Amino acid sequence: METLEALYQTVLDRKSNKEEGSYTCYLFDKGLDKILKKCGEECSETIIAAKNGDNNELVLEISDLLYHLTVLMVNQGVTLDELYAELDKRSNKTGNLKTFHQVDKNS
């Protein structure tokens, strides 16, 4: 968790303190659409790496995805505390497979 927290703080700092040549600052300057596009690309690349069975590549792609998701979180004002709270809440749920698989036909 310390690494994720350090990444979050670095990204947060880049949003407030522009640094020339920073890829993170570039993403913030380009805005939400660019950040979302990169999240989508990295998600696809993660799926392909998993499908190809290349765990070394998979680790690289998951790292890229987590980085871009962190940029998205900071851009949207989502804190790590909010994320951790939701993950904690979910970790307390057991035996909810039937509920999990219910589909909302209205969405």
PDB file of N, CA and C in Angstrom:
ATOM      1  N   MET A   1       0.813  -1.197   0.000  1.00  0.00           N
ATOM      2  CA  MET A   1       0.000   0.000   0.000  1.00  0.00           C
ATOM      3  C   MET A   1       0.859   1.266   0.000  1.00  0.00           C
ATOM      4  N   GLU A   2       2.048   1.189   0.575  1.00  0.00           N
ATOM      5  CA  GLU A   2       2.895   2.382   0.614  1.00  0.00           C
ATOM      6  C   GLU A   2       3.232   2.865  -0.785  1.00  0.00           C
ATOM      7  N   THR A   3       3.455   1.934  -1.712  1.00  0.00           N
ATOM      8  CA  THR A   3       3.796   2.304  -3.077  1.00  0.00           C
ATOM      9  C   THR A   3       2.631   3.007  -3.751  1.00  0.00           C
ATOM     10  N   LEU A   4       1.420   2.486  -3.558  1.00  0.00           N
ATOM     11  CA  LEU A   4       0.242   3.117  -4.139  1.00  0.00           C
ATOM     12  C   LEU A   4       0.024   4.504  -3.539  1.00  0.00           C
ATOM     13  N   GLU A   5       0.234   4.625  -2.248  1.00  0.00           N
ATOM     14  CA  GLU A   5       0.085   5.923  -1.599  1.00  0.00           C
ATOM     15  C   GLU A   5       1.135   6.919  -2.098  1.00  0.00           C
ATOM     16  N   ALA A   6       2.352   6.446  -2.320  1.00  0.00           N
ATOM     17  CA  ALA A   6       3.408   7.321  -2.847  1.00  0.00           C
ATOM     18  C   ALA A   6       3.063   7.756  -4.277  1.00  0.00           C
ATOM     19  N   LEU A   7       2.561   6.832  -5.076  1.00  0.00           N
ATOM     20  CA  LEU A   7       2.143   7.168  -6.433  1.00  0.00           C
ATOM     21  C   LEU A   7       1.035   8.210  -6.403  1.00  0.00           C
ATOM     22  N   TYR A   8       0.043   7.995  -5.550  1.00  0.00           N
ATOM     23  CA  TYR A   8      -1.074   8.931  -5.448  1.00  0.00           C
ATOM     24  C   TYR A   8      -0.567  10.327  -5.074  1.00  0.00           C
ATOM     25  N   GLN A   9       0.336  10.388  -4.113  1.00  0.00           N
ATOM     26  CA  GLN A   9       0.861  11.691  -3.679  1.00  0.00           C
ATOM     27  C   GLN A   9       1.652  12.371  -4.792  1.00  0.00           C
ATOM     28  N   THR A  10       2.404  11.597  -5.556  1.00  0.00           N
ATOM     29  CA  THR A  10       3.155  12.160  -6.677  1.00  0.00           C
ATOM     30  C   THR A  10       2.209  12.724  -7.728  1.00  0.00           C
ATOM     31  N   VAL A  11       1.172  11.959  -8.063  1.00  0.00           N
ATOM     32  CA  VAL A  11       0.194  12.410  -9.057  1.00  0.00           C
ATOM     33  C   VAL A  11      -0.532  13.652  -8.546  1.00  0.00           C
ATOM     34  N   LEU A  12      -0.914  13.644  -7.274  1.00  0.00           N
ATOM     35  CA  LEU A  12      -1.575  14.797  -6.667  1.00  0.00           C
ATOM     36  C   LEU A  12      -0.679  16.031  -6.747  1.00  0.00           C
ATOM     37  N   ASP A  13       0.590  15.837  -6.463  1.00  0.00           N
ATOM     38  CA  ASP A  13       1.550  16.942  -6.528  1.00  0.00           C
ATOM     39  C   ASP A  13       1.679  17.476  -7.948  1.00  0.00           C
ATOM     40  N   ARG A  14       1.696  16.578  -8.935  1.00  0.00           N
ATOM     41  CA  ARG A  14       1.819  16.998 -10.335  1.00  0.00           C
ATOM     42  C   ARG A  14       0.601  17.806 -10.787  1.00  0.00           C
ATOM     43  N   LYS A  15      -0.545  17.513 -10.210  1.00  0.00           N
ATOM     44  CA  LYS A  15      -1.737  18.278 -10.579  1.00  0.00           C
ATOM     45  C   LYS A  15      -1.619  19.720 -10.093  1.00  0.00           C
ATOM     46  N   SER A  16      -1.041  19.895  -8.917  1.00  0.00           N
ATOM     47  CA  SER A  16      -0.915  21.231  -8.331  1.00  0.00           C
ATOM     48  C   SER A  16       0.331  21.963  -8.799  1.00  0.00           C
ATOM     49  N   ASN A  17       1.404  21.230  -9.014  1.00  0.00           N
ATOM     50  CA  ASN A  17       2.695  21.821  -9.353  1.00  0.00           C
ATOM     51  C   ASN A  17       3.161  21.286 -10.699  1.00  0.00           C
ATOM     52  N   LYS A  18       2.849  22.039 -11.735  1.00  0.00           N
ATOM     53  CA  LYS A  18       3.205  21.614 -13.090  1.00  0.00           C
ATOM     54  C   LYS A  18       4.718  21.476 -13.215  1.00  0.00           C
ATOM     55  N   GLU A  19       5.133  20.384 -13.812  1.00  0.00           N
ATOM     56  CA  GLU A  19       6.548  20.133 -14.036  1.00  0.00           C
ATOM     57  C   GLU A  19       6.754  19.892 -15.524  1.00  0.00           C
ATOM     58  N   GLU A  20       7.600  20.688 -16.131  1.00  0.00           N
ATOM     59  CA  GLU A  20       7.832  20.580 -17.566  1.00  0.00           C
ATOM     60  C   GLU A  20       8.358  19.189 -17.916  1.00  0.00           C
ATOM     61  N   GLY A  21       7.782  18.607 -18.952  1.00  0.00           N
ATOM     62  CA  GLY A  21       8.201  17.288 -19.399  1.00  0.00           C
ATOM     63  C   GLY A  21       7.530  16.146 -18.663  1.00  0.00           C
ATOM     64  N   SER A  22       6.665  16.443 -17.720  1.00  0.00           N
ATOM     65  CA  SER A  22       5.992  15.412 -16.938  1.00  0.00           C
ATOM     66  C   SER A  22       4.816  14.845 -17.737  1.00  0.00           C
ATOM     67  N   TYR A  23       4.801  13.527 -17.906  1.00  0.00           N
ATOM     68  CA  TYR A  23       3.699  12.869 -18.591  1.00  0.00           C
ATOM     69  C   TYR A  23       2.397  13.052 -17.809  1.00  0.00           C
ATOM     70  N   THR A  24       2.482  13.007 -16.497  1.00  0.00           N
ATOM     71  CA  THR A  24       1.300  13.197 -15.656  1.00  0.00           C
ATOM     72  C   THR A  24       0.708  14.585 -15.885  1.00  0.00           C
ATOM     73  N   CYS A  25       1.547  15.602 -15.934  1.00  0.00           N
ATOM     74  CA  CYS A  25       1.069  16.964 -16.194  1.00  0.00           C
ATOM     75  C   CYS A  25       0.447  17.048 -17.584  1.00  0.00           C
ATOM     76  N   TYR A  26       1.046  16.373 -18.547  1.00  0.00           N
ATOM     77  CA  TYR A  26       0.492  16.324 -19.902  1.00  0.00           C
ATOM     78  C   TYR A  26      -0.928  15.776 -19.874  1.00  0.00           C
ATOM     79  N   LEU A  27      -1.142  14.686 -19.133  1.00  0.00           N
ATOM     80  CA  LEU A  27      -2.483  14.098 -19.047  1.00  0.00           C
ATOM     81  C   LEU A  27      -3.471  15.079 -18.426  1.00  0.00           C
ATOM     82  N   PHE A  28      -3.074  15.732 -17.347  1.00  0.00           N
ATOM     83  CA  PHE A  28      -3.964  16.711 -16.714  1.00  0.00           C
ATOM     84  C   PHE A  28      -4.268  17.868 -17.669  1.00  0.00           C
ATOM     85  N   ASP A  29      -3.269  18.305 -18.410  1.00  0.00           N
ATOM     86  CA  ASP A  29      -3.480  19.402 -19.365  1.00  0.00           C
ATOM     87  C   ASP A  29      -4.445  19.000 -20.469  1.00  0.00           C
ATOM     88  N   LYS A  30      -4.368  17.768 -20.916  1.00  0.00           N
ATOM     89  CA  LYS A  30      -5.247  17.292 -21.998  1.00  0.00           C
ATOM     90  C   LYS A  30      -6.672  17.045 -21.508  1.00  0.00           C
ATOM     91  N   GLY A  31      -6.829  16.741 -20.219  1.00  0.00           N
ATOM     92  CA  GLY A  31      -8.161  16.626 -19.643  1.00  0.00           C
ATOM     93  C   GLY A  31      -8.729  15.222 -19.552  1.00  0.00           C
ATOM     94  N   LEU A  32      -9.962  15.187 -19.112  1.00  0.00           N
ATOM     95  CA  LEU A  32     -10.639  13.936 -18.791  1.00  0.00           C
ATOM     96  C   LEU A  32     -10.714  12.977 -19.970  1.00  0.00           C
ATOM     97  N   ASP A  33     -11.034  13.466 -21.147  1.00  0.00           N
ATOM     98  CA  ASP A  33     -11.159  12.569 -22.299  1.00  0.00           C
ATOM     99  C   ASP A  33      -9.865  11.811 -22.569  1.00  0.00           C
ATOM    100  N   LYS A  34      -8.735  12.495 -22.493  1.00  0.00           N
ATOM    101  CA  LYS A  34      -7.431  11.856 -22.719  1.00  0.00           C
ATOM    102  C   LYS A  34      -7.144  10.842 -21.619  1.00  0.00           C
ATOM    103  N   ILE A  35      -7.426  11.213 -20.380  1.00  0.00           N
ATOM    104  CA  ILE A  35      -7.192  10.296 -19.255  1.00  0.00           C
ATOM    105  C   ILE A  35      -8.044   9.042 -19.422  1.00  0.00           C
ATOM    106  N   LEU A  36      -9.308   9.210 -19.785  1.00  0.00           N
ATOM    107  CA  LEU A  36     -10.192   8.058 -19.990  1.00  0.00           C
ATOM    108  C   LEU A  36      -9.720   7.198 -21.151  1.00  0.00           C
ATOM    109  N   LYS A  37      -9.270   7.822 -22.215  1.00  0.00           N
ATOM    110  CA  LYS A  37      -8.756   7.077 -23.366  1.00  0.00           C
ATOM    111  C   LYS A  37      -7.573   6.216 -22.948  1.00  0.00           C
ATOM    112  N   LYS A  38      -6.671   6.787 -22.169  1.00  0.00           N
ATOM    113  CA  LYS A  38      -5.501   6.030 -21.708  1.00  0.00           C
ATOM    114  C   LYS A  38      -5.907   4.897 -20.774  1.00  0.00           C
ATOM    115  N   CYS A  39      -6.884   5.118 -19.916  1.00  0.00           N
ATOM    116  CA  CYS A  39      -7.373   4.044 -19.044  1.00  0.00           C
ATOM    117  C   CYS A  39      -7.925   2.894 -19.880  1.00  0.00           C
ATOM    118  N   GLY A  40      -8.695   3.237 -20.899  1.00  0.00           N
ATOM    119  CA  GLY A  40      -9.253   2.221 -21.778  1.00  0.00           C
ATOM    120  C   GLY A  40      -8.175   1.447 -22.519  1.00  0.00           C
ATOM    121  N   GLU A  41      -7.191   2.156 -23.048  1.00  0.00           N
ATOM    122  CA  GLU A  41      -6.086   1.505 -23.755  1.00  0.00           C
ATOM    123  C   GLU A  41      -5.338   0.547 -22.831  1.00  0.00           C
ATOM    124  N   GLU A  42      -5.028   1.022 -21.633  1.00  0.00           N
ATOM    125  CA  GLU A  42      -4.271   0.182 -20.699  1.00  0.00           C
ATOM    126  C   GLU A  42      -5.083  -1.022 -20.239  1.00  0.00           C
ATOM    127  N   CYS A  43      -6.381  -0.841 -20.108  1.00  0.00           N
ATOM    128  CA  CYS A  43      -7.242  -1.967 -19.742  1.00  0.00           C
ATOM    129  C   CYS A  43      -7.201  -3.031 -20.840  1.00  0.00           C
ATOM    130  N   SER A  44      -7.322  -2.606 -22.089  1.00  0.00           N
ATOM    131  CA  SER A  44      -7.255  -3.537 -23.220  1.00  0.00           C
ATOM    132  C   SER A  44      -5.913  -4.250 -23.274  1.00  0.00           C
ATOM    133  N   GLU A  45      -4.834  -3.512 -23.066  1.00  0.00           N
ATOM    134  CA  GLU A  45      -3.505  -4.111 -23.085  1.00  0.00           C
ATOM    135  C   GLU A  45      -3.323  -5.100 -21.938  1.00  0.00           C
ATOM    136  N   THR A  46      -3.936  -4.818 -20.797  1.00  0.00           N
ATOM    137  CA  THR A  46      -3.892  -5.750 -19.663  1.00  0.00           C
ATOM    138  C   THR A  46      -4.610  -7.045 -20.017  1.00  0.00           C
ATOM    139  N   ILE A  47      -5.760  -6.926 -20.639  1.00  0.00           N
ATOM    140  CA  ILE A  47      -6.538  -8.104 -21.047  1.00  0.00           C
ATOM    141  C   ILE A  47      -5.744  -8.949 -22.039  1.00  0.00           C
ATOM    142  N   ILE A  48      -5.123  -8.302 -23.013  1.00  0.00           N
ATOM    143  CA  ILE A  48      -4.352  -9.026 -24.022  1.00  0.00           C
ATOM    144  C   ILE A  48      -3.166  -9.743 -23.382  1.00  0.00           C
ATOM    145  N   ALA A  49      -2.463  -9.067 -22.486  1.00  0.00           N
ATOM    146  CA  ALA A  49      -1.320  -9.691 -21.811  1.00  0.00           C
ATOM    147  C   ALA A  49      -1.764 -10.909 -21.004  1.00  0.00           C
ATOM    148  N   ALA A  50      -2.909 -10.806 -20.342  1.00  0.00           N
ATOM    149  CA  ALA A  50      -3.426 -11.946 -19.571  1.00  0.00           C
ATOM    150  C   ALA A  50      -3.811 -13.086 -20.506  1.00  0.00           C
ATOM    151  N   LYS A  51      -4.460 -12.756 -21.588  1.00  0.00           N
ATOM    152  CA  LYS A  51      -4.887 -13.758 -22.567  1.00  0.00           C
ATOM    153  C   LYS A  51      -3.679 -14.466 -23.190  1.00  0.00           C
ATOM    154  N   ASN A  52      -2.592 -13.724 -23.393  1.00  0.00           N
ATOM    155  CA  ASN A  52      -1.380 -14.289 -23.983  1.00  0.00           C
ATOM    156  C   ASN A  52      -0.574 -15.114 -22.982  1.00  0.00           C
ATOM    157  N   GLY A  53      -0.947 -15.052 -21.702  1.00  0.00           N
ATOM    158  CA  GLY A  53      -0.267 -15.850 -20.682  1.00  0.00           C
ATOM    159  C   GLY A  53       1.134 -15.373 -20.356  1.00  0.00           C
ATOM    160  N   ASP A  54       1.421 -14.124 -20.642  1.00  0.00           N
ATOM    161  CA  ASP A  54       2.746 -13.570 -20.381  1.00  0.00           C
ATOM    162  C   ASP A  54       2.688 -12.756 -19.092  1.00  0.00           C
ATOM    163  N   ASN A  55       3.037 -13.388 -17.981  1.00  0.00           N
ATOM    164  CA  ASN A  55       2.910 -12.723 -16.684  1.00  0.00           C
ATOM    165  C   ASN A  55       3.841 -11.529 -16.534  1.00  0.00           C
ATOM    166  N   ASN A  56       5.004 -11.567 -17.170  1.00  0.00           N
ATOM    167  CA  ASN A  56       5.899 -10.401 -17.101  1.00  0.00           C
ATOM    168  C   ASN A  56       5.233  -9.200 -17.762  1.00  0.00           C
ATOM    169  N   GLU A  57       4.666  -9.420 -18.944  1.00  0.00           N
ATOM    170  CA  GLU A  57       3.969  -8.347 -19.643  1.00  0.00           C
ATOM    171  C   GLU A  57       2.719  -7.928 -18.866  1.00  0.00           C
ATOM    172  N   LEU A  58       2.042  -8.901 -18.270  1.00  0.00           N
ATOM    173  CA  LEU A  58       0.842  -8.613 -17.492  1.00  0.00           C
ATOM    174  C   LEU A  58       1.145  -7.675 -16.333  1.00  0.00           C
ATOM    175  N   VAL A  59       2.233  -7.908 -15.639  1.00  0.00           N
ATOM    176  CA  VAL A  59       2.623  -7.032 -14.524  1.00  0.00           C
ATOM    177  C   VAL A  59       2.874  -5.619 -15.029  1.00  0.00           C
ATOM    178  N   LEU A  60       3.550  -5.494 -16.167  1.00  0.00           N
ATOM    179  CA  LEU A  60       3.799  -4.169 -16.737  1.00  0.00           C
ATOM    180  C   LEU A  60       2.494  -3.464 -17.085  1.00  0.00           C
ATOM    181  N   GLU A  61       1.574  -4.176 -17.702  1.00  0.00           N
ATOM    182  CA  GLU A  61       0.310  -3.568 -18.120  1.00  0.00           C
ATOM    183  C   GLU A  61      -0.584  -3.221 -16.927  1.00  0.00           C
ATOM    184  N   ILE A  62      -0.606  -4.092 -15.917  1.00  0.00           N
ATOM    185  CA  ILE A  62      -1.380  -3.774 -14.704  1.00  0.00           C
ATOM    186  C   ILE A  62      -0.807  -2.519 -14.045  1.00  0.00           C
ATOM    187  N   SER A  63       0.508  -2.398 -14.037  1.00  0.00           N
ATOM    188  CA  SER A  63       1.147  -1.208 -13.466  1.00  0.00           C
ATOM    189  C   SER A  63       0.753   0.038 -14.236  1.00  0.00           C
ATOM    190  N   ASP A  64       0.762  -0.056 -15.569  1.00  0.00           N
ATOM    191  CA  ASP A  64       0.320   1.082 -16.388  1.00  0.00           C
ATOM    192  C   ASP A  64      -1.135   1.435 -16.101  1.00  0.00           C
ATOM    193  N   LEU A  65      -1.978   0.412 -15.988  1.00  0.00           N
ATOM    194  CA  LEU A  65      -3.396   0.638 -15.718  1.00  0.00           C
ATOM    195  C   LEU A  65      -3.597   1.291 -14.359  1.00  0.00           C
ATOM    196  N   LEU A  66      -2.911   0.793 -13.335  1.00  0.00           N
ATOM    197  CA  LEU A  66      -3.036   1.389 -12.003  1.00  0.00           C
ATOM    198  C   LEU A  66      -2.562   2.843 -11.994  1.00  0.00           C
ATOM    199  N   TYR A  67      -1.493   3.123 -12.716  1.00  0.00           N
ATOM    200  CA  TYR A  67      -1.023   4.507 -12.812  1.00  0.00           C
ATOM    201  C   TYR A  67      -2.099   5.393 -13.429  1.00  0.00           C
ATOM    202  N   HIS A  68      -2.648   4.979 -14.568  1.00  0.00           N
ATOM    203  CA  HIS A  68      -3.644   5.802 -15.245  1.00  0.00           C
ATOM    204  C   HIS A  68      -4.934   5.920 -14.426  1.00  0.00           C
ATOM    205  N   LEU A  69      -5.296   4.869 -13.713  1.00  0.00           N
ATOM    206  CA  LEU A  69      -6.460   4.953 -12.819  1.00  0.00           C
ATOM    207  C   LEU A  69      -6.188   5.933 -11.682  1.00  0.00           C
ATOM    208  N   THR A  70      -4.962   5.980 -11.217  1.00  0.00           N
ATOM    209  CA  THR A  70      -4.594   6.936 -10.169  1.00  0.00           C
ATOM    210  C   THR A  70      -4.711   8.363 -10.695  1.00  0.00           C
ATOM    211  N   VAL A  71      -4.262   8.595 -11.915  1.00  0.00           N
ATOM    212  CA  VAL A  71      -4.424   9.917 -12.528  1.00  0.00           C
ATOM    213  C   VAL A  71      -5.915  10.261 -12.613  1.00  0.00           C
ATOM    214  N   LEU A  72      -6.728   9.293 -13.015  1.00  0.00           N
ATOM    215  CA  LEU A  72      -8.181   9.506 -13.090  1.00  0.00           C
ATOM    216  C   LEU A  72      -8.752   9.846 -11.721  1.00  0.00           C
ATOM    217  N   MET A  73      -8.342   9.112 -10.696  1.00  0.00           N
ATOM    218  CA  MET A  73      -8.828   9.380  -9.338  1.00  0.00           C
ATOM    219  C   MET A  73      -8.511  10.809  -8.916  1.00  0.00           C
ATOM    220  N   VAL A  74      -7.261  11.206  -9.100  1.00  0.00           N
ATOM    221  CA  VAL A  74      -6.851  12.559  -8.701  1.00  0.00           C
ATOM    222  C   VAL A  74      -7.613  13.594  -9.514  1.00  0.00           C
ATOM    223  N   ASN A  75      -7.743  13.369 -10.800  1.00  0.00           N
ATOM    224  CA  ASN A  75      -8.458  14.315 -11.649  1.00  0.00           C
ATOM    225  C   ASN A  75      -9.902  14.498 -11.193  1.00  0.00           C
ATOM    226  N   GLN A  76     -10.515  13.415 -10.734  1.00  0.00           N
ATOM    227  CA  GLN A  76     -11.925  13.455 -10.349  1.00  0.00           C
ATOM    228  C   GLN A  76     -12.126  13.717  -8.852  1.00  0.00           C
ATOM    229  N   GLY A  77     -11.037  13.877  -8.118  1.00  0.00           N
ATOM    230  CA  GLY A  77     -11.148  14.179  -6.697  1.00  0.00           C
ATOM    231  C   GLY A  77     -11.489  12.985  -5.827  1.00  0.00           C
ATOM    232  N   VAL A  78     -11.181  11.799  -6.294  1.00  0.00           N
ATOM    233  CA  VAL A  78     -11.412  10.588  -5.502  1.00  0.00           C
ATOM    234  C   VAL A  78     -10.155  10.310  -4.688  1.00  0.00           C
ATOM    235  N   THR A  79     -10.324  10.140  -3.388  1.00  0.00           N
ATOM    236  CA  THR A  79      -9.174   9.918  -2.516  1.00  0.00           C
ATOM    237  C   THR A  79      -8.912   8.427  -2.313  1.00  0.00           C
ATOM    238  N   LEU A  80      -7.686   8.135  -1.888  1.00  0.00           N
ATOM    239  CA  LEU A  80      -7.364   6.748  -1.544  1.00  0.00           C
ATOM    240  C   LEU A  80      -8.199   6.271  -0.364  1.00  0.00           C
ATOM    241  N   ASP A  81      -8.493   7.169   0.570  1.00  0.00           N
ATOM    242  CA  ASP A  81      -9.327   6.789   1.712  1.00  0.00           C
ATOM    243  C   ASP A  81     -10.698   6.306   1.250  1.00  0.00           C
ATOM    244  N   GLU A  82     -11.270   6.989   0.252  1.00  0.00           N
ATOM    245  CA  GLU A  82     -12.560   6.552  -0.286  1.00  0.00           C
ATOM    246  C   GLU A  82     -12.442   5.178  -0.937  1.00  0.00           C
ATOM    247  N   LEU A  83     -11.375   4.982  -1.677  1.00  0.00           N
ATOM    248  CA  LEU A  83     -11.149   3.699  -2.327  1.00  0.00           C
ATOM    249  C   LEU A  83     -10.956   2.596  -1.292  1.00  0.00           C
ATOM    250  N   TYR A  84     -10.113   2.848  -0.312  1.00  0.00           N
ATOM    251  CA  TYR A  84      -9.872   1.851   0.735  1.00  0.00           C
ATOM    252  C   TYR A  84     -11.152   1.527   1.500  1.00  0.00           C
ATOM    253  N   ALA A  85     -11.968   2.530   1.778  1.00  0.00           N
ATOM    254  CA  ALA A  85     -13.224   2.303   2.500  1.00  0.00           C
ATOM    255  C   ALA A  85     -14.140   1.383   1.700  1.00  0.00           C
ATOM    256  N   GLU A  86     -14.223   1.622   0.404  1.00  0.00           N
ATOM    257  CA  GLU A  86     -15.070   0.770  -0.437  1.00  0.00           C
ATOM    258  C   GLU A  86     -14.524  -0.651  -0.520  1.00  0.00           C
ATOM    259  N   LEU A  87     -13.210  -0.778  -0.651  1.00  0.00           N
ATOM    260  CA  LEU A  87     -12.606  -2.114  -0.690  1.00  0.00           C
ATOM    261  C   LEU A  87     -12.807  -2.846   0.636  1.00  0.00           C
ATOM    262  N   ASP A  88     -12.667  -2.125   1.751  1.00  0.00           N
ATOM    263  CA  ASP A  88     -12.918  -2.726   3.066  1.00  0.00           C
ATOM    264  C   ASP A  88     -14.359  -3.197   3.177  1.00  0.00           C
ATOM    265  N   LYS A  89     -15.283  -2.366   2.713  1.00  0.00           N
ATOM    266  CA  LYS A  89     -16.700  -2.718   2.761  1.00  0.00           C
ATOM    267  C   LYS A  89     -16.946  -3.989   1.950  1.00  0.00           C
ATOM    268  N   ARG A  90     -16.349  -4.067   0.805  1.00  0.00           N
ATOM    269  CA  ARG A  90     -16.531  -5.237  -0.055  1.00  0.00           C
ATOM    270  C   ARG A  90     -15.882  -6.480   0.515  1.00  0.00           C
ATOM    271  N   SER A  91     -14.763  -6.307   1.214  1.00  0.00           N
ATOM    272  CA  SER A  91     -14.077  -7.477   1.772  1.00  0.00           C
ATOM    273  C   SER A  91     -14.882  -8.117   2.898  1.00  0.00           C
ATOM    274  N   ASN A  92     -15.829  -7.374   3.462  1.00  0.00           N
ATOM    275  CA  ASN A  92     -16.666  -7.903   4.528  1.00  0.00           C
ATOM    276  C   ASN A  92     -17.867  -8.669   4.002  1.00  0.00           C
ATOM    277  N   LYS A  93     -18.080  -8.604   2.689  1.00  0.00           N
ATOM    278  CA  LYS A  93     -19.217  -9.318   2.102  1.00  0.00           C
ATOM    279  C   LYS A  93     -18.810 -10.743   1.771  1.00  0.00           C
ATOM    280  N   THR A  94     -19.617 -11.679   2.209  1.00  0.00           N
ATOM    281  CA  THR A  94     -19.396 -13.073   1.847  1.00  0.00           C
ATOM    282  C   THR A  94     -20.735 -13.691   1.491  1.00  0.00           C
ATOM    283  N   GLY A  95     -20.683 -14.688   0.670  1.00  0.00           N
ATOM    284  CA  GLY A  95     -21.903 -15.399   0.314  1.00  0.00           C
ATOM    285  C   GLY A  95     -22.875 -14.576  -0.504  1.00  0.00           C
ATOM    286  N   ASN A  96     -22.384 -13.618  -1.281  1.00  0.00           N
ATOM    287  CA  ASN A  96     -23.292 -12.772  -2.041  1.00  0.00           C
ATOM    288  C   ASN A  96     -23.175 -13.017  -3.547  1.00  0.00           C
ATOM    289  N   LEU A  97     -22.752 -14.216  -3.929  1.00  0.00           N
ATOM    290  CA  LEU A  97     -22.570 -14.516  -5.344  1.00  0.00           C
ATOM    291  C   LEU A  97     -23.868 -14.375  -6.110  1.00  0.00           C
ATOM    292  N   LYS A  98     -24.973 -14.846  -5.544  1.00  0.00           N
ATOM    293  CA  LYS A  98     -26.256 -14.757  -6.229  1.00  0.00           C
ATOM    294  C   LYS A  98     -26.649 -13.294  -6.447  1.00  0.00           C
ATOM    295  N   THR A  99     -26.460 -12.471  -5.458  1.00  0.00           N
ATOM    296  CA  THR A  99     -26.763 -11.048  -5.574  1.00  0.00           C
ATOM    297  C   THR A  99     -25.848 -10.384  -6.588  1.00  0.00           C
ATOM    298  N   PHE A 100     -24.579 -10.778  -6.586  1.00  0.00           N
ATOM    299  CA  PHE A 100     -23.591 -10.190  -7.475  1.00  0.00           C
ATOM    300  C   PHE A 100     -23.966 -10.411  -8.937  1.00  0.00           C
ATOM    301  N   HIS A 101     -24.517 -11.561  -9.236  1.00  0.00           N
ATOM    302  CA  HIS A 101     -24.802 -11.907 -10.625  1.00  0.00           C
ATOM    303  C   HIS A 101     -26.168 -11.436 -11.112  1.00  0.00           C
ATOM    304  N   GLN A 102     -26.927 -10.756 -10.274  1.00  0.00           N
ATOM    305  CA  GLN A 102     -28.199 -10.231 -10.737  1.00  0.00           C
ATOM    306  C   GLN A 102     -27.952  -9.072 -11.699  1.00  0.00           C
ATOM    307  N   VAL A 103     -28.711  -9.050 -12.757  1.00  0.00           N
ATOM    308  CA  VAL A 103     -28.546  -8.021 -13.778  1.00  0.00           C
ATOM    309  C   VAL A 103     -29.723  -7.055 -13.700  1.00  0.00           C
ATOM    310  N   ASP A 104     -29.376  -5.761 -13.734  1.00  0.00           N
ATOM    311  CA  ASP A 104     -30.401  -4.736 -13.781  1.00  0.00           C
ATOM    312  C   ASP A 104     -30.814  -4.567 -15.240  1.00  0.00           C
ATOM    313  N   LYS A 105     -31.963  -5.058 -15.587  1.00  0.00           N
ATOM    314  CA  LYS A 105     -32.423  -5.047 -16.984  1.00  0.00           C
ATOM    315  C   LYS A 105     -32.760  -3.645 -17.464  1.00  0.00           C
ATOM    316  N   ASN A 106     -32.812  -2.671 -16.560  1.00  0.00           N
ATOM    317  CA  ASN A 106     -33.143  -1.293 -16.942  1.00  0.00           C
ATOM    318  C   ASN A 106     -31.926  -0.471 -17.338  1.00  0.00           C
ATOM    319  N   SER A 107     -30.735  -1.046 -17.156  1.00  0.00           N
ATOM    320  CA  SER A 107     -29.532  -0.252 -17.479  1.00  0.00           C
ATOM    321  C   SER A 107     -28.851  -0.765 -18.716  1.00  0.00           C
TER     322      SER A 107
END
